[in-house]
Amino acid sequence: MEFRELECFVVLSEELHFARAADRLYLSPGRVSQLVRALETRIGARLFDRTSRRVRLTPLGERFLADLRPAYDGLRDAVDRARAAAREVTGVLRVGFLGTPTDLVTASVRAFEALYPSCEVRLVEVPLSDPFGRLRGGLVDVTFTLLPVDEPDLETGRGLNRVPVSLGLPAGHPLAVRRAVDAEELAGLPLIEPAGPAPRAWRELVAPERTPAGLLIPRGGTVATSQEGITLVALGRGGMLFCTPTAAYHERRDVVFVPVTGLPASVLGLAWPRAGATAAVRAFAESAETAAGVAGPEARRKVA
C-alpha cells in the first residue's frame, strides 16, 4: 500500500472537499480522486460517499480513519524529524582528498568548522586509482577531486582553483634541467598513470593518452596513489603529471618538477553523490568556495 494513497485519504477525510485536499497535497483534484479510488480498490469497499454537492466518509471509512490515524501520525512525525535532522549541520562529515592535503583542503576544513563547530570534519585519503569508489560506498560524504567529472550519479561544485601542471622527473633526467617542458615533448617520455577502476575520463585528466597535437604518449606503468607514483618517478620508471600545489608538497632530492606548457590547467573541486547532498555537504561546498575565494557575495558575508 502506497503512503501517498493513505495521505490522500487522511487529507480528504479532513477537508471533505476534493479541491481543498488537492491544494494541500499540491496535486490536481483528478489525481486525488484517482489515488482514493486506488485505495478503495485495495481495501475492496468505498471509503467515501461522493455526490455533486458533498463528500463524506462511509461508516467503513470512519472506522478505517480511526484505526489508521495513530500509525499515520507517527509516520509523519518520523519523516518530519528525519527532514529536520537532514537540515542540521552537526555530527561528523567525512571529506576525501586525493593523496595530498594541500592548503586548499585544510583552509576549507578550517572555514567550515569555524562556521559549524558542532560538525567535525574527518579527512580520508582517496586513491588516484579509485577516485569515486569511497563516495559510492558511503565511506566519505564529499571528496576533493579533479574537474570536470562525467559521472551521472555524482554532483560537483564550482572549480576551486586553476593551477598549472608540472612534470615529475627523476633527478638526472635530461629534461630535469629545463625551465619548462612543452606538452608535445611528452610523446618521448613514458607517463605513469592511475590504475583501474578509475574511469577513462579521470585517467585522461591525470595522464593524457595523446599530446594536444595528437601524438601518442607512451605508458610508464600504473599506480594506486600519488606516493606510489612519486616512487616510480624516483626509480626512473617514467614521468608523472602533478598540479603545482601537489608538486610543491612532494619536493625531494631525487625528483625534480618541471612546469609543462601547452596543457590545460588542473582544476580542483568537490564531488558528492546526487542522492547524498545533505545540508552538511552543501555547507562544506560553500565553505570551500569561500576559502578558495570563488564564493558569491552571500557566502562571503556569511563568514565575515
C-alpha atoms as a PDB file:
ATOM      1  CA  MET A   1       0.000   0.000   0.000  1.00  0.00           C
ATOM      2  CA  GLU A   2       1.416   3.377  -1.027  1.00  0.00           C
ATOM      3  CA  PHE A   3       1.882   6.157   1.513  1.00  0.00           C
ATOM      4  CA  ARG A   4       0.573   8.729  -0.979  1.00  0.00           C
ATOM      5  CA  GLU A   5      -2.780   6.900  -1.120  1.00  0.00           C
ATOM      6  CA  LEU A   6      -3.042   6.938   2.675  1.00  0.00           C
ATOM      7  CA  GLU A   7      -2.049  10.603   2.764  1.00  0.00           C
ATOM      8  CA  CYS A   8      -4.786  11.467   0.242  1.00  0.00           C
ATOM      9  CA  PHE A   9      -7.334   9.533   2.298  1.00  0.00           C
ATOM     10  CA  VAL A  10      -6.427  11.331   5.534  1.00  0.00           C
ATOM     11  CA  VAL A  11      -6.364  14.825   3.988  1.00  0.00           C
ATOM     12  CA  LEU A  12      -9.623  14.275   2.113  1.00  0.00           C
ATOM     13  CA  SER A  13     -11.263  12.978   5.313  1.00  0.00           C
ATOM     14  CA  GLU A  14     -10.254  16.274   6.972  1.00  0.00           C
ATOM     15  CA  GLU A  15     -11.297  18.571   4.142  1.00  0.00           C
ATOM     16  CA  LEU A  16     -14.232  16.574   2.701  1.00  0.00           C
ATOM     17  CA  HIS A  17     -13.614  18.581  -0.465  1.00  0.00           C
ATOM     18  CA  PHE A  18     -11.508  17.394  -3.404  1.00  0.00           C
ATOM     19  CA  ALA A  19     -10.277  20.826  -4.488  1.00  0.00           C
ATOM     20  CA  ARG A  20      -9.149  21.833  -0.979  1.00  0.00           C
ATOM     21  CA  ALA A  21      -7.488  18.468  -0.433  1.00  0.00           C
ATOM     22  CA  ALA A  22      -5.716  18.836  -3.777  1.00  0.00           C
ATOM     23  CA  ASP A  23      -4.410  22.287  -2.773  1.00  0.00           C
ATOM     24  CA  ARG A  24      -2.959  20.897   0.460  1.00  0.00           C
ATOM     25  CA  LEU A  25      -1.327  17.991  -1.350  1.00  0.00           C
ATOM     26  CA  TYR A  26      -0.090  20.052  -4.344  1.00  0.00           C
ATOM     27  CA  LEU A  27      -1.991  17.714  -6.657  1.00  0.00           C
ATOM     28  CA  SER A  28      -4.885  18.091  -9.065  1.00  0.00           C
ATOM     29  CA  PRO A  29      -8.374  17.112  -7.862  1.00  0.00           C
ATOM     30  CA  GLY A  30      -8.395  14.404 -10.510  1.00  0.00           C
ATOM     31  CA  ARG A  31      -5.180  12.898  -9.109  1.00  0.00           C
ATOM     32  CA  VAL A  32      -6.619  12.947  -5.571  1.00  0.00           C
ATOM     33  CA  SER A  33      -9.710  11.114  -6.836  1.00  0.00           C
ATOM     34  CA  GLN A  34      -7.518   8.582  -8.645  1.00  0.00           C
ATOM     35  CA  LEU A  35      -5.448   7.830  -5.535  1.00  0.00           C
ATOM     36  CA  VAL A  36      -8.544   7.464  -3.339  1.00  0.00           C
ATOM     37  CA  ARG A  37     -10.116   5.068  -5.850  1.00  0.00           C
ATOM     38  CA  ALA A  38      -6.898   3.030  -5.893  1.00  0.00           C
ATOM     39  CA  LEU A  39      -7.008   2.770  -2.092  1.00  0.00           C
ATOM     40  CA  GLU A  40     -10.667   1.751  -2.168  1.00  0.00           C
ATOM     41  CA  THR A  41      -9.805  -0.923  -4.725  1.00  0.00           C
ATOM     42  CA  ARG A  42      -7.078  -2.303  -2.457  1.00  0.00           C
ATOM     43  CA  ILE A  43      -9.472  -2.391   0.500  1.00  0.00           C
ATOM     44  CA  GLY A  44     -12.413  -3.693  -1.525  1.00  0.00           C
ATOM     45  CA  ALA A  45     -15.064  -1.166  -0.477  1.00  0.00           C
ATOM     46  CA  ARG A  46     -15.925   2.521  -0.685  1.00  0.00           C
ATOM     47  CA  LEU A  47     -14.418   4.834   1.931  1.00  0.00           C
ATOM     48  CA  PHE A  48     -16.243   7.973   0.820  1.00  0.00           C
ATOM     49  CA  ASP A  49     -19.757   8.746  -0.372  1.00  0.00           C
ATOM     50  CA  ARG A  50     -19.485  11.319  -3.144  1.00  0.00           C
ATOM     51  CA  THR A  51     -22.206  13.432  -4.639  1.00  0.00           C
ATOM     52  CA  SER A  52     -22.083  16.589  -6.727  1.00  0.00           C
ATOM     53  CA  ARG A  53     -22.653  18.618  -3.551  1.00  0.00           C
ATOM     54  CA  ARG A  54     -20.703  16.908  -0.814  1.00  0.00           C
ATOM     55  CA  VAL A  55     -18.144  14.299   0.200  1.00  0.00           C
ATOM     56  CA  ARG A  56     -18.441  12.305   3.416  1.00  0.00           C
ATOM     57  CA  LEU A  57     -16.874   9.226   4.970  1.00  0.00           C
ATOM     58  CA  THR A  58     -18.727   5.936   4.858  1.00  0.00           C
ATOM     59  CA  PRO A  59     -19.003   4.006   8.143  1.00  0.00           C
ATOM     60  CA  LEU A  60     -16.115   1.830   6.920  1.00  0.00           C
ATOM     61  CA  GLY A  61     -14.153   4.997   6.096  1.00  0.00           C
ATOM     62  CA  GLU A  62     -14.706   6.359   9.606  1.00  0.00           C
ATOM     63  CA  ARG A  63     -13.513   3.110  11.168  1.00  0.00           C
ATOM     64  CA  PHE A  64     -10.505   2.932   8.830  1.00  0.00           C
ATOM     65  CA  LEU A  65      -9.550   6.537   9.687  1.00  0.00           C
ATOM     66  CA  ALA A  66      -9.743   5.825  13.433  1.00  0.00           C
ATOM     67  CA  ASP A  67      -7.508   2.753  13.038  1.00  0.00           C
ATOM     68  CA  LEU A  68      -5.083   4.439  10.633  1.00  0.00           C
ATOM     69  CA  ARG A  69      -4.652   7.798  12.361  1.00  0.00           C
ATOM     70  CA  PRO A  70      -2.180   6.853  15.146  1.00  0.00           C
ATOM     71  CA  ALA A  71       0.117   4.991  12.750  1.00  0.00           C
ATOM     72  CA  TYR A  72      -0.161   7.713  10.095  1.00  0.00           C
ATOM     73  CA  ASP A  73       0.659  10.493  12.589  1.00  0.00           C
ATOM     74  CA  GLY A  74       3.636   8.519  13.893  1.00  0.00           C
ATOM     75  CA  LEU A  75       4.951   8.000  10.387  1.00  0.00           C
ATOM     76  CA  ARG A  76       4.562  11.685   9.512  1.00  0.00           C
ATOM     77  CA  ASP A  77       6.338  12.677  12.723  1.00  0.00           C
ATOM     78  CA  ALA A  78       9.214  10.322  11.882  1.00  0.00           C
ATOM     79  CA  VAL A  79       9.512  11.816   8.379  1.00  0.00           C
ATOM     80  CA  ASP A  80       9.423  15.379   9.775  1.00  0.00           C
ATOM     81  CA  ARG A  81      12.120  14.557  12.330  1.00  0.00           C
ATOM     82  CA  ALA A  82      14.297  12.991   9.636  1.00  0.00           C
ATOM     83  CA  ARG A  83      13.876  16.050   7.412  1.00  0.00           C
ATOM     84  CA  ALA A  84      14.791  18.364  10.282  1.00  0.00           C
ATOM     85  CA  ALA A  85      17.872  16.290  11.081  1.00  0.00           C
ATOM     86  CA  ALA A  86      18.925  16.372   7.418  1.00  0.00           C
ATOM     87  CA  ARG A  87      18.874  20.189   7.550  1.00  0.00           C
ATOM     88  CA  GLU A  88      21.158  20.296  10.583  1.00  0.00           C
ATOM     89  CA  VAL A  89      24.900  20.672  10.182  1.00  0.00           C
ATOM     90  CA  THR A  90      26.047  18.538  13.091  1.00  0.00           C
ATOM     91  CA  GLY A  91      27.844  15.274  13.750  1.00  0.00           C
ATOM     92  CA  VAL A  92      30.693  14.086  11.530  1.00  0.00           C
ATOM     93  CA  LEU A  93      31.394  14.955   7.898  1.00  0.00           C
ATOM     94  CA  ARG A  94      33.836  12.646   6.099  1.00  0.00           C
ATOM     95  CA  VAL A  95      35.813  14.525   3.451  1.00  0.00           C
ATOM     96  CA  GLY A  96      38.004  12.747   0.917  1.00  0.00           C
ATOM     97  CA  PHE A  97      41.221  14.189  -0.505  1.00  0.00           C
ATOM     98  CA  LEU A  98      43.497  12.988  -3.289  1.00  0.00           C
ATOM     99  CA  GLY A  99      46.669  11.893  -1.577  1.00  0.00           C
ATOM    100  CA  THR A 100      47.839  15.403  -0.705  1.00  0.00           C
ATOM    101  CA  PRO A 101      46.123  17.593   1.916  1.00  0.00           C
ATOM    102  CA  THR A 102      47.076  20.872   0.226  1.00  0.00           C
ATOM    103  CA  ASP A 103      46.490  24.327   1.706  1.00  0.00           C
ATOM    104  CA  LEU A 104      43.123  24.498  -0.071  1.00  0.00           C
ATOM    105  CA  VAL A 105      41.963  21.313   1.661  1.00  0.00           C
ATOM    106  CA  THR A 106      42.972  22.448   5.132  1.00  0.00           C
ATOM    107  CA  ALA A 107      41.679  26.008   4.578  1.00  0.00           C
ATOM    108  CA  SER A 108      38.293  24.588   3.537  1.00  0.00           C
ATOM    109  CA  VAL A 109      38.121  22.467   6.686  1.00  0.00           C
ATOM    110  CA  ARG A 110      39.020  25.418   8.912  1.00  0.00           C
ATOM    111  CA  ALA A 111      36.419  27.662   7.246  1.00  0.00           C
ATOM    112  CA  PHE A 112      33.718  25.020   7.641  1.00  0.00           C
ATOM    113  CA  GLU A 113      34.468  24.172  11.264  1.00  0.00           C
ATOM    114  CA  ALA A 114      34.591  27.874  12.184  1.00  0.00           C
ATOM    115  CA  LEU A 115      31.017  28.253  10.921  1.00  0.00           C
ATOM    116  CA  TYR A 116      29.711  24.889  12.142  1.00  0.00           C
ATOM    117  CA  PRO A 117      31.541  23.953  15.360  1.00  0.00           C
ATOM    118  CA  SER A 118      29.014  21.168  16.043  1.00  0.00           C
ATOM    119  CA  CYS A 119      30.160  19.287  12.943  1.00  0.00           C
ATOM    120  CA  GLU A 120      33.562  17.586  12.949  1.00  0.00           C
ATOM    121  CA  VAL A 121      35.425  17.009   9.678  1.00  0.00           C
ATOM    122  CA  ARG A 122      37.311  13.759   9.271  1.00  0.00           C
ATOM    123  CA  LEU A 123      39.730  13.662   6.354  1.00  0.00           C
ATOM    124  CA  VAL A 124      40.010  10.406   4.412  1.00  0.00           C
ATOM    125  CA  GLU A 125      42.613   9.778   1.713  1.00  0.00           C
ATOM    126  CA  VAL A 126      41.123   8.788  -1.640  1.00  0.00           C
ATOM    127  CA  PRO A 127      43.327   6.773  -4.030  1.00  0.00           C
ATOM    128  CA  LEU A 128      44.090   8.051  -7.517  1.00  0.00           C
ATOM    129  CA  SER A 129      43.130   4.651  -8.878  1.00  0.00           C
ATOM    130  CA  ASP A 130      39.576   4.804  -7.500  1.00  0.00           C
ATOM    131  CA  PRO A 131      38.573   8.450  -7.011  1.00  0.00           C
ATOM    132  CA  PHE A 132      34.832   7.812  -6.605  1.00  0.00           C
ATOM    133  CA  GLY A 133      34.622   4.359  -5.026  1.00  0.00           C
ATOM    134  CA  ARG A 134      34.566   5.646  -1.460  1.00  0.00           C
ATOM    135  CA  LEU A 135      31.816   8.114  -2.294  1.00  0.00           C
ATOM    136  CA  ARG A 136      29.683   5.371  -3.798  1.00  0.00           C
ATOM    137  CA  GLY A 137      30.497   3.017  -0.967  1.00  0.00           C
ATOM    138  CA  GLY A 138      29.392   5.539   1.675  1.00  0.00           C
ATOM    139  CA  LEU A 139      32.876   5.796   3.192  1.00  0.00           C
ATOM    140  CA  VAL A 140      33.110   9.539   2.515  1.00  0.00           C
ATOM    141  CA  ASP A 141      30.346  12.124   2.159  1.00  0.00           C
ATOM    142  CA  VAL A 142      32.130  14.531  -0.174  1.00  0.00           C
ATOM    143  CA  THR A 143      35.538  14.493  -1.816  1.00  0.00           C
ATOM    144  CA  PHE A 144      38.040  16.846  -3.397  1.00  0.00           C
ATOM    145  CA  THR A 145      38.621  15.779  -6.976  1.00  0.00           C
ATOM    146  CA  LEU A 146      39.821  16.953 -10.362  1.00  0.00           C
ATOM    147  CA  LEU A 147      37.204  18.570 -12.583  1.00  0.00           C
ATOM    148  CA  PRO A 148      35.371  18.034 -14.807  1.00  0.00           C
ATOM    149  CA  VAL A 149      33.638  14.889 -13.541  1.00  0.00           C
ATOM    150  CA  ASP A 150      31.465  13.000 -16.027  1.00  0.00           C
ATOM    151  CA  GLU A 151      29.645  10.586 -13.709  1.00  0.00           C
ATOM    152  CA  PRO A 152      25.804  10.685 -13.846  1.00  0.00           C
ATOM    153  CA  ASP A 153      25.337   9.713 -10.192  1.00  0.00           C
ATOM    154  CA  LEU A 154      27.676  12.408  -8.895  1.00  0.00           C
ATOM    155  CA  GLU A 155      27.202  16.148  -8.445  1.00  0.00           C
ATOM    156  CA  THR A 156      30.036  18.670  -8.405  1.00  0.00           C
ATOM    157  CA  GLY A 157      30.588  22.174  -7.122  1.00  0.00           C
ATOM    158  CA  ARG A 158      32.425  25.007  -8.813  1.00  0.00           C
ATOM    159  CA  GLY A 159      36.112  24.840  -9.595  1.00  0.00           C
ATOM    160  CA  LEU A 160      38.063  25.948  -6.533  1.00  0.00           C
ATOM    161  CA  ASN A 161      41.339  26.671  -8.314  1.00  0.00           C
ATOM    162  CA  ARG A 162      43.026  26.588 -11.706  1.00  0.00           C
ATOM    163  CA  VAL A 163      46.723  25.833 -11.453  1.00  0.00           C
ATOM    164  CA  PRO A 164      49.479  24.912 -13.934  1.00  0.00           C
ATOM    165  CA  VAL A 165      50.654  21.334 -14.392  1.00  0.00           C
ATOM    166  CA  SER A 166      54.174  20.161 -13.556  1.00  0.00           C
ATOM    167  CA  LEU A 167      56.022  17.062 -14.707  1.00  0.00           C
ATOM    168  CA  GLY A 168      57.737  14.949 -12.079  1.00  0.00           C
ATOM    169  CA  LEU A 169      61.041  13.553 -13.372  1.00  0.00           C
ATOM    170  CA  PRO A 170      63.872  11.597 -11.788  1.00  0.00           C
ATOM    171  CA  ALA A 171      66.809  13.775 -10.867  1.00  0.00           C
ATOM    172  CA  GLY A 172      69.382  13.457 -13.640  1.00  0.00           C
ATOM    173  CA  HIS A 173      66.831  13.061 -16.432  1.00  0.00           C
ATOM    174  CA  PRO A 174      67.773  15.223 -19.468  1.00  0.00           C
ATOM    175  CA  LEU A 175      64.519  17.201 -19.166  1.00  0.00           C
ATOM    176  CA  ALA A 176      65.015  17.828 -15.446  1.00  0.00           C
ATOM    177  CA  VAL A 177      67.356  20.775 -16.091  1.00  0.00           C
ATOM    178  CA  ARG A 178      64.821  22.559 -18.290  1.00  0.00           C
ATOM    179  CA  ARG A 179      62.868  25.609 -17.108  1.00  0.00           C
ATOM    180  CA  ALA A 180      59.760  24.206 -18.839  1.00  0.00           C
ATOM    181  CA  VAL A 181      58.682  21.252 -20.952  1.00  0.00           C
ATOM    182  CA  ASP A 182      56.320  21.574 -23.904  1.00  0.00           C
ATOM    183  CA  ALA A 183      53.339  19.218 -23.906  1.00  0.00           C
ATOM    184  CA  GLU A 184      54.405  17.792 -27.270  1.00  0.00           C
ATOM    185  CA  GLU A 185      57.630  16.523 -25.680  1.00  0.00           C
ATOM    186  CA  LEU A 186      55.582  14.101 -23.576  1.00  0.00           C
ATOM    187  CA  ALA A 187      55.437  11.885 -26.674  1.00  0.00           C
ATOM    188  CA  GLY A 188      59.023  10.896 -25.926  1.00  0.00           C
ATOM    189  CA  LEU A 189      58.522  10.069 -22.235  1.00  0.00           C
ATOM    190  CA  PRO A 190      56.695   7.143 -20.582  1.00  0.00           C
ATOM    191  CA  LEU A 191      53.948   8.618 -18.423  1.00  0.00           C
ATOM    192  CA  ILE A 192      52.832   6.991 -15.180  1.00  0.00           C
ATOM    193  CA  GLU A 193      49.020   6.788 -14.845  1.00  0.00           C
ATOM    194  CA  PRO A 194      46.395   5.757 -12.277  1.00  0.00           C
ATOM    195  CA  ALA A 195      45.349   2.114 -12.292  1.00  0.00           C
ATOM    196  CA  GLY A 196      41.729   0.981 -12.556  1.00  0.00           C
ATOM    197  CA  PRO A 197      38.933   1.174 -11.607  1.00  0.00           C
ATOM    198  CA  ALA A 198      39.449   4.904 -12.230  1.00  0.00           C
ATOM    199  CA  PRO A 199      37.248   5.842 -15.227  1.00  0.00           C
ATOM    200  CA  ARG A 200      38.970   6.602 -18.509  1.00  0.00           C
ATOM    201  CA  ALA A 201      37.993  10.298 -18.408  1.00  0.00           C
ATOM    202  CA  TRP A 202      39.620  10.575 -14.975  1.00  0.00           C
ATOM    203  CA  ARG A 203      42.825   8.837 -16.132  1.00  0.00           C
ATOM    204  CA  GLU A 204      42.942  11.247 -19.067  1.00  0.00           C
ATOM    205  CA  LEU A 205      42.998  14.191 -16.623  1.00  0.00           C
ATOM    206  CA  VAL A 206      45.950  12.714 -14.721  1.00  0.00           C
ATOM    207  CA  ALA A 207      47.833  11.119 -17.626  1.00  0.00           C
ATOM    208  CA  PRO A 208      46.593  12.073 -21.133  1.00  0.00           C
ATOM    209  CA  GLU A 209      46.959   9.429 -23.821  1.00  0.00           C
ATOM    210  CA  ARG A 210      47.970  11.932 -26.517  1.00  0.00           C
ATOM    211  CA  THR A 211      49.589  15.332 -26.777  1.00  0.00           C
ATOM    212  CA  PRO A 212      47.463  18.322 -27.898  1.00  0.00           C
ATOM    213  CA  ALA A 213      48.725  17.702 -31.448  1.00  0.00           C
ATOM    214  CA  GLY A 214      47.642  14.054 -31.306  1.00  0.00           C
ATOM    215  CA  LEU A 215      50.976  12.320 -30.692  1.00  0.00           C
ATOM    216  CA  LEU A 216      50.720   9.123 -28.657  1.00  0.00           C
ATOM    217  CA  ILE A 217      52.219   9.320 -25.155  1.00  0.00           C
ATOM    218  CA  PRO A 218      53.809   6.038 -24.028  1.00  0.00           C
ATOM    219  CA  ARG A 219      52.723   4.464 -20.755  1.00  0.00           C
ATOM    220  CA  GLY A 220      55.142   4.140 -17.857  1.00  0.00           C
ATOM    221  CA  GLY A 221      53.159   1.890 -15.523  1.00  0.00           C
ATOM    222  CA  THR A 222      50.137   2.262 -13.273  1.00  0.00           C
ATOM    223  CA  VAL A 223      49.849   3.284  -9.636  1.00  0.00           C
ATOM    224  CA  ALA A 224      47.147   3.459  -6.980  1.00  0.00           C
ATOM    225  CA  THR A 225      48.394   6.528  -5.080  1.00  0.00           C
ATOM    226  CA  SER A 226      50.472   9.652  -5.526  1.00  0.00           C
ATOM    227  CA  GLN A 227      53.149   8.220  -3.242  1.00  0.00           C
ATOM    228  CA  GLU A 228      53.446   5.149  -5.459  1.00  0.00           C
ATOM    229  CA  GLY A 229      53.766   7.430  -8.471  1.00  0.00           C
ATOM    230  CA  ILE A 230      56.497   9.552  -6.864  1.00  0.00           C
ATOM    231  CA  THR A 231      58.395   6.370  -6.001  1.00  0.00           C
ATOM    232  CA  LEU A 232      58.264   5.107  -9.599  1.00  0.00           C
ATOM    233  CA  VAL A 233      59.422   8.520 -10.822  1.00  0.00           C
ATOM    234  CA  ALA A 234      62.364   8.464  -8.405  1.00  0.00           C
ATOM    235  CA  LEU A 235      63.286   4.981  -9.683  1.00  0.00           C
ATOM    236  CA  GLY A 236      63.355   6.239 -13.257  1.00  0.00           C
ATOM    237  CA  ARG A 237      60.303   4.308 -14.489  1.00  0.00           C
ATOM    238  CA  GLY A 238      58.793   7.365 -16.168  1.00  0.00           C
ATOM    239  CA  GLY A 239      57.389  10.834 -15.568  1.00  0.00           C
ATOM    240  CA  MET A 240      54.155  11.800 -13.839  1.00  0.00           C
ATOM    241  CA  LEU A 241      51.984  14.903 -14.050  1.00  0.00           C
ATOM    242  CA  PHE A 242      51.015  16.805 -10.907  1.00  0.00           C
ATOM    243  CA  CYS A 243      49.216  20.049 -10.198  1.00  0.00           C
ATOM    244  CA  THR A 244      51.554  22.754  -8.900  1.00  0.00           C
ATOM    245  CA  PRO A 245      50.456  22.643  -5.210  1.00  0.00           C
ATOM    246  CA  THR A 246      50.890  18.844  -5.108  1.00  0.00           C
ATOM    247  CA  ALA A 247      54.290  19.109  -6.775  1.00  0.00           C
ATOM    248  CA  ALA A 248      55.404  21.622  -4.141  1.00  0.00           C
ATOM    249  CA  TYR A 249      54.185  19.289  -1.391  1.00  0.00           C
ATOM    250  CA  HIS A 250      56.238  16.380  -2.764  1.00  0.00           C
ATOM    251  CA  GLU A 251      59.574  18.151  -3.249  1.00  0.00           C
ATOM    252  CA  ARG A 252      62.507  15.792  -2.633  1.00  0.00           C
ATOM    253  CA  ARG A 253      66.116  15.430  -3.757  1.00  0.00           C
ATOM    254  CA  ASP A 254      65.641  12.543  -6.168  1.00  0.00           C
ATOM    255  CA  VAL A 255      62.620  14.013  -8.001  1.00  0.00           C
ATOM    256  CA  VAL A 256      62.507  17.261  -9.988  1.00  0.00           C
ATOM    257  CA  PHE A 257      59.282  19.033 -11.000  1.00  0.00           C
ATOM    258  CA  VAL A 258      59.327  20.987 -14.266  1.00  0.00           C
ATOM    259  CA  PRO A 259      56.391  23.177 -15.443  1.00  0.00           C
ATOM    260  CA  VAL A 260      54.555  21.907 -18.541  1.00  0.00           C
ATOM    261  CA  THR A 261      53.323  24.351 -21.175  1.00  0.00           C
ATOM    262  CA  GLY A 262      50.536  23.587 -23.612  1.00  0.00           C
ATOM    263  CA  LEU A 263      48.311  21.535 -21.294  1.00  0.00           C
ATOM    264  CA  PRO A 264      45.003  22.702 -19.760  1.00  0.00           C
ATOM    265  CA  ALA A 265      45.166  23.938 -16.186  1.00  0.00           C
ATOM    266  CA  SER A 266      44.427  21.481 -13.398  1.00  0.00           C
ATOM    267  CA  VAL A 267      41.097  22.290 -11.692  1.00  0.00           C
ATOM    268  CA  LEU A 268      40.246  21.063  -8.193  1.00  0.00           C
ATOM    269  CA  GLY A 269      36.678  20.906  -6.968  1.00  0.00           C
ATOM    270  CA  LEU A 270      34.280  18.872  -4.858  1.00  0.00           C
ATOM    271  CA  ALA A 271      32.050  15.935  -5.770  1.00  0.00           C
ATOM    272  CA  TRP A 272      29.332  14.123  -3.852  1.00  0.00           C
ATOM    273  CA  PRO A 273      26.571  11.607  -4.660  1.00  0.00           C
ATOM    274  CA  ARG A 274      23.458  13.252  -6.060  1.00  0.00           C
ATOM    275  CA  ALA A 275      21.395  11.215  -3.604  1.00  0.00           C
ATOM    276  CA  GLY A 276      23.556  12.296  -0.656  1.00  0.00           C
ATOM    277  CA  ALA A 277      23.532  16.080  -0.844  1.00  0.00           C
ATOM    278  CA  THR A 278      22.895  16.751   2.859  1.00  0.00           C
ATOM    279  CA  ALA A 279      22.909  20.175   4.468  1.00  0.00           C
ATOM    280  CA  ALA A 280      26.406  19.450   5.789  1.00  0.00           C
ATOM    281  CA  VAL A 281      27.709  18.604   2.311  1.00  0.00           C
ATOM    282  CA  ARG A 282      26.214  21.786   0.850  1.00  0.00           C
ATOM    283  CA  ALA A 283      27.626  23.840   3.716  1.00  0.00           C
ATOM    284  CA  PHE A 284      31.085  22.360   3.199  1.00  0.00           C
ATOM    285  CA  ALA A 285      30.939  23.158  -0.515  1.00  0.00           C
ATOM    286  CA  GLU A 286      30.089  26.788   0.329  1.00  0.00           C
ATOM    287  CA  SER A 287      32.909  26.943   2.884  1.00  0.00           C
ATOM    288  CA  ALA A 288      35.395  25.547   0.356  1.00  0.00           C
ATOM    289  CA  GLU A 289      34.350  28.167  -2.190  1.00  0.00           C
ATOM    290  CA  THR A 290      34.820  30.863   0.420  1.00  0.00           C
ATOM    291  CA  ALA A 291      38.257  29.531   1.368  1.00  0.00           C
ATOM    292  CA  ALA A 292      39.230  29.432  -2.300  1.00  0.00           C
ATOM    293  CA  GLY A 293      37.934  32.953  -2.930  1.00  0.00           C
ATOM    294  CA  VAL A 294      35.331  31.870  -5.500  1.00  0.00           C
ATOM    295  CA  ALA A 295      32.214  32.207  -3.320  1.00  0.00           C
ATOM    296  CA  GLY A 296      29.476  34.647  -4.170  1.00  0.00           C
ATOM    297  CA  PRO A 297      28.753  37.760  -2.060  1.00  0.00           C
ATOM    298  CA  GLU A 298      26.134  35.957   0.081  1.00  0.00           C
ATOM    299  CA  ALA A 299      28.545  33.231   1.183  1.00  0.00           C
ATOM    300  CA  ARG A 300      31.337  35.726   1.794  1.00  0.00           C
ATOM    301  CA  ARG A 301      29.104  37.834   4.049  1.00  0.00           C
ATOM    302  CA  LYS A 302      28.130  34.701   5.945  1.00  0.00           C
ATOM    303  CA  VAL A 303      31.703  34.103   7.051  1.00  0.00           C
ATOM    304  CA  ALA A 304      32.611  37.741   7.551  1.00  0.00           C
END
